[in-house]
Protein backbone atom coordinates (compact mmCIF):
# COMPACT_ATOMS: atom_id res chain seq x y z
CA MET A 1 12.42 4.47 2.22
CA TYR A 2 11.28 2.36 5.15
CA LEU A 3 8.20 3.02 7.24
CA TYR A 4 8.68 4.62 10.62
CA LYS A 5 6.38 6.15 13.13
CA ILE A 6 7.26 8.96 15.48
CA ARG A 7 5.41 11.11 18.03
CA THR A 8 4.59 14.69 17.09
CA ASP A 9 7.19 15.89 19.64
CA GLY A 10 9.91 13.99 17.77
CA THR A 11 10.36 11.20 20.30
CA GLY A 12 9.65 7.50 20.02
CA LYS A 13 10.91 6.84 16.52
CA THR A 14 10.01 3.24 15.67
CA LYS A 15 10.82 1.33 12.48
CA LEU A 16 7.73 -0.49 11.19
CA ASN A 17 9.12 -2.46 8.26
CA SER A 18 12.22 -3.18 6.14
CA ASP A 19 10.50 -2.69 2.80
CA GLN A 20 11.11 0.19 0.44
CA SER A 21 7.66 1.75 0.76
CA TYR A 22 6.06 4.06 -1.78
CA ASP A 23 2.59 5.65 -2.32
CA ILE A 24 1.85 5.52 1.37
CA ASN A 25 -1.77 5.85 2.66
CA VAL A 26 -2.59 5.77 6.38
CA VAL A 27 -6.19 4.93 7.21
CA GLY A 28 -7.18 4.26 10.77
CA ASP A 29 -4.84 1.63 12.21
CA TRP A 30 -3.54 0.55 8.78
CA ILE A 31 -0.86 1.74 6.36
CA TYR A 32 -1.26 0.83 2.67
CA TYR A 33 1.74 1.07 0.35
CA SER A 34 3.51 -0.16 -2.76
CA ASN A 35 6.38 -2.37 -1.77
CA VAL A 36 9.26 -1.45 -4.05
CA SER A 37 11.25 -4.34 -2.47
CA ASP A 38 8.66 -6.73 -3.82
CA ASN A 39 7.99 -5.62 -7.41
CA MET A 40 5.73 -2.68 -6.36
CA TYR A 41 3.01 -5.05 -5.14
CA LEU A 42 0.39 -3.62 -2.85
CA TYR A 43 0.82 -4.26 0.93
CA LYS A 44 -0.74 -3.23 4.19
CA ILE A 45 0.70 -3.17 7.72
CA ARG A 46 -0.74 -2.02 11.06
CA THR A 47 0.51 1.24 12.44
CA ASP A 48 2.17 -0.73 15.24
CA GLY A 49 4.22 -2.69 12.68
CA THR A 50 2.31 -5.98 12.92
CA GLY A 51 0.13 -7.74 10.43
CA GLU A 52 2.08 -7.07 7.26
CA THR A 53 0.05 -8.53 4.38
CA LYS A 54 0.58 -8.66 0.64
CA LEU A 55 -2.72 -7.73 -1.11
CA ASN A 56 -2.06 -8.31 -4.80
CA ASN A 57 0.38 -9.37 -7.52
CA ASP A 58 0.15 -6.26 -9.63
CA LYS A 59 2.67 -3.43 -9.86
CA SER A 60 0.62 -0.85 -7.95
CA GLN A 61 1.02 2.89 -8.29
CA SER A 62 -1.01 6.01 -7.35
CA ILE A 63 -2.69 4.28 -4.44
CA SER A 64 -5.80 5.87 -2.93
CA VAL A 65 -7.89 4.37 -0.18
CA VAL A 66 -11.61 5.31 -0.18
CA GLY A 67 -13.84 3.57 2.34
CA ASP A 68 -13.26 -0.19 2.02
CA TRP A 69 -11.60 0.11 -1.41
CA ILE A 70 -8.04 0.70 -2.53
CA TYR A 71 -7.77 2.21 -6.00
CA TYR A 72 -4.51 1.88 -7.90
CA PHE A 73 -2.99 2.13 -11.30
CA THR A 74 -0.86 -0.51 -13.03
CA LYS A 75 0.92 -0.33 -16.39
CA PRO A 76 1.45 -3.72 -18.03
CA SER A 77 3.70 -3.84 -21.09
CA ASN A 78 2.23 -2.37 -24.28
CA THR A 79 -0.68 -0.61 -22.50
CA SER A 80 -1.34 2.96 -21.49
CA GLY A 81 -2.21 1.73 -17.97
CA ILE A 82 -5.19 0.17 -16.21
CA HIS A 83 -7.03 1.28 -13.08
CA TYR A 84 -8.06 -1.32 -10.55
CA LYS A 85 -9.77 -1.46 -7.18
CA ILE A 86 -9.38 -4.02 -4.43
CA ARG A 87 -10.96 -4.39 -1.04
CA THR A 88 -8.76 -3.40 1.91
CA ASP A 89 -8.75 -7.07 2.93
CA GLY A 90 -7.28 -8.06 -0.46
CA THR A 91 -10.47 -9.53 -1.97
CA GLU A 92 -12.49 -8.53 -5.03
CA ASN A 93 -9.64 -7.24 -7.19
CA GLN A 94 -11.26 -5.81 -10.30
CA GLN A 95 -10.60 -3.46 -13.18
CA VAL A 96 -12.33 -0.02 -13.00
CA LYS A 97 -13.97 0.87 -16.29
């Protein structure tokens, strides 16, 4: 599933990316998502389709944006899963305990 934007009246459909996008969160002028096309890594893109940025190198699921933090879940091999948080600018990636 690619990202599109469309007006509420159904006009102006615009494709924003060519990534398979999952766990989509829209906050202000930004869209945060897991990029299935790139190993489920966390990405952000502006709502106008510019500024696509990779934020981490973790398989990211169950994304939730709260304030300046993105919370996500990753499941490395042989674990029950680990929760992390990362700033919306991609800095300060850390495990949530």
